[in-house]
Amino acid sequence: MFEDFNVQGLLEGKHAVDIAKTFQPDVAIIDIALRDTDGRHLCNAIKAEPLTAHIPVILITATIEDENEVPCKPDARVLKPFDIEDLQTLVFKLMNKN
């Protein structure tokens, strides 16, 4: 089950909100462990910006998170390792909510 997605990949989060403002993704998939920031901070920045607040955010992590460490409210969380078809189903579900 492969689809034709238009993807914008980033290795660092420092320009992600600005890119999301112009790219306007249907869903943002963000790893918590980014090179330059915690993905939870990026999730909060996307949700706080009026031009991107509507974008569903999926946080991906390899560890169980401590919610008190960096509170954020993603639309979904995915624990690594994950099944790509399960992730794709989640993406479609979040896209259809909008």
Protein backbone atom coordinates (compact mmCIF):
# COMPACT_ATOMS: atom_id res chain seq x y z
CA MET A 1 0.00 0.00 0.00
CA PHE A 2 2.15 2.87 -1.29
CA GLU A 3 0.85 6.33 -2.01
CA ASP A 4 2.16 9.37 -3.82
CA PHE A 5 2.99 11.85 -1.06
CA ASN A 6 4.64 15.23 -1.52
CA VAL A 7 7.19 15.29 1.32
CA GLN A 8 9.40 18.03 2.74
CA GLY A 9 12.14 16.50 4.86
CA LEU A 10 14.19 18.40 7.43
CA LEU A 11 17.21 17.35 9.47
CA GLU A 12 16.91 20.26 11.90
CA GLY A 13 13.93 21.98 13.42
CA LYS A 14 15.08 25.61 13.48
CA HIS A 15 13.27 26.58 10.26
CA ALA A 16 10.45 24.03 10.44
CA VAL A 17 7.68 26.44 11.45
CA ASP A 18 8.62 28.88 8.68
CA ILE A 19 8.69 26.04 6.16
CA ALA A 20 5.36 24.72 7.45
CA LYS A 21 3.82 28.17 6.94
CA THR A 22 4.64 28.08 3.23
CA PHE A 23 4.53 24.32 2.55
CA GLN A 24 1.30 23.80 4.53
CA PRO A 25 1.61 20.03 5.02
CA ASP A 26 -1.48 17.92 5.59
CA VAL A 27 0.36 16.21 8.48
CA ALA A 28 3.69 16.85 10.24
CA ILE A 29 5.63 13.80 11.40
CA ILE A 30 8.26 14.87 13.92
CA ASP A 31 10.83 12.77 15.73
CA ILE A 32 11.37 13.87 19.31
CA ALA A 33 15.15 13.45 19.05
CA LEU A 34 16.17 16.09 16.52
CA ARG A 35 19.70 17.33 15.98
CA ASP A 36 19.03 20.87 17.20
CA THR A 37 15.86 20.70 19.29
CA ASP A 38 13.36 18.49 21.04
CA GLY A 39 10.52 17.61 18.68
CA ARG A 40 8.04 18.40 21.44
CA HIS A 41 9.18 22.03 21.36
CA LEU A 42 8.65 22.01 17.61
CA CYS A 43 5.16 20.53 18.06
CA ASN A 44 4.34 23.34 20.50
CA ALA A 45 5.66 25.97 18.07
CA ILE A 46 3.56 24.58 15.21
CA LYS A 47 0.44 24.47 17.39
CA ALA A 48 1.07 28.03 18.69
CA GLU A 49 1.44 29.62 15.24
CA PRO A 50 -1.94 30.66 13.76
CA LEU A 51 -0.87 29.74 10.21
CA THR A 52 0.12 26.20 11.23
CA ALA A 53 -2.02 25.40 14.28
CA HIS A 54 -4.44 23.37 12.12
CA ILE A 55 -1.70 20.95 10.98
CA PRO A 56 -1.97 17.56 12.71
CA VAL A 57 1.29 16.55 14.37
CA ILE A 58 2.49 12.98 14.85
CA LEU A 59 5.38 12.65 17.31
CA ILE A 60 7.70 9.71 16.87
CA THR A 61 9.96 8.44 19.63
CA ALA A 62 12.11 5.45 20.51
CA THR A 63 11.58 5.85 24.24
CA ILE A 64 8.68 6.13 26.64
CA GLU A 65 8.22 9.85 27.24
CA ASP A 66 8.02 11.62 30.54
CA GLU A 67 5.07 13.98 29.99
CA ASN A 68 6.38 16.32 32.69
CA GLU A 69 9.66 16.83 30.85
CA VAL A 70 8.31 18.79 27.86
CA PRO A 71 4.53 18.99 27.80
CA CYS A 72 2.93 19.14 24.37
CA LYS A 73 -0.27 18.06 22.68
CA PRO A 74 0.40 16.22 19.43
CA ASP A 75 -2.50 14.70 17.54
CA ALA A 76 -0.85 11.27 17.79
CA ARG A 77 2.27 9.53 19.11
CA VAL A 78 4.07 6.62 17.50
CA LEU A 79 6.63 4.45 19.29
CA LYS A 80 9.63 3.13 17.35
CA PRO A 81 9.94 0.65 15.84
CA PHE A 82 6.69 1.08 13.96
CA ASP A 83 4.98 -0.58 11.05
CA ILE A 84 4.99 1.71 8.00
CA GLU A 85 1.48 0.64 7.01
CA ASP A 86 0.21 1.53 10.50
CA LEU A 87 1.84 4.95 10.18
CA GLN A 88 0.30 5.43 6.74
CA THR A 89 -3.15 4.52 8.13
CA LEU A 90 -2.67 7.07 10.91
CA VAL A 91 -1.63 9.75 8.40
CA PHE A 92 -4.77 9.11 6.33
CA LYS A 93 -6.92 9.20 9.45
CA LEU A 94 -5.50 12.58 10.47
CA MET A 95 -5.76 13.95 6.92
CA ASN A 96 -9.44 13.01 6.76
CA LYS A 97 -10.19 14.82 10.00
CA ASN A 98 -9.28 18.13 8.37
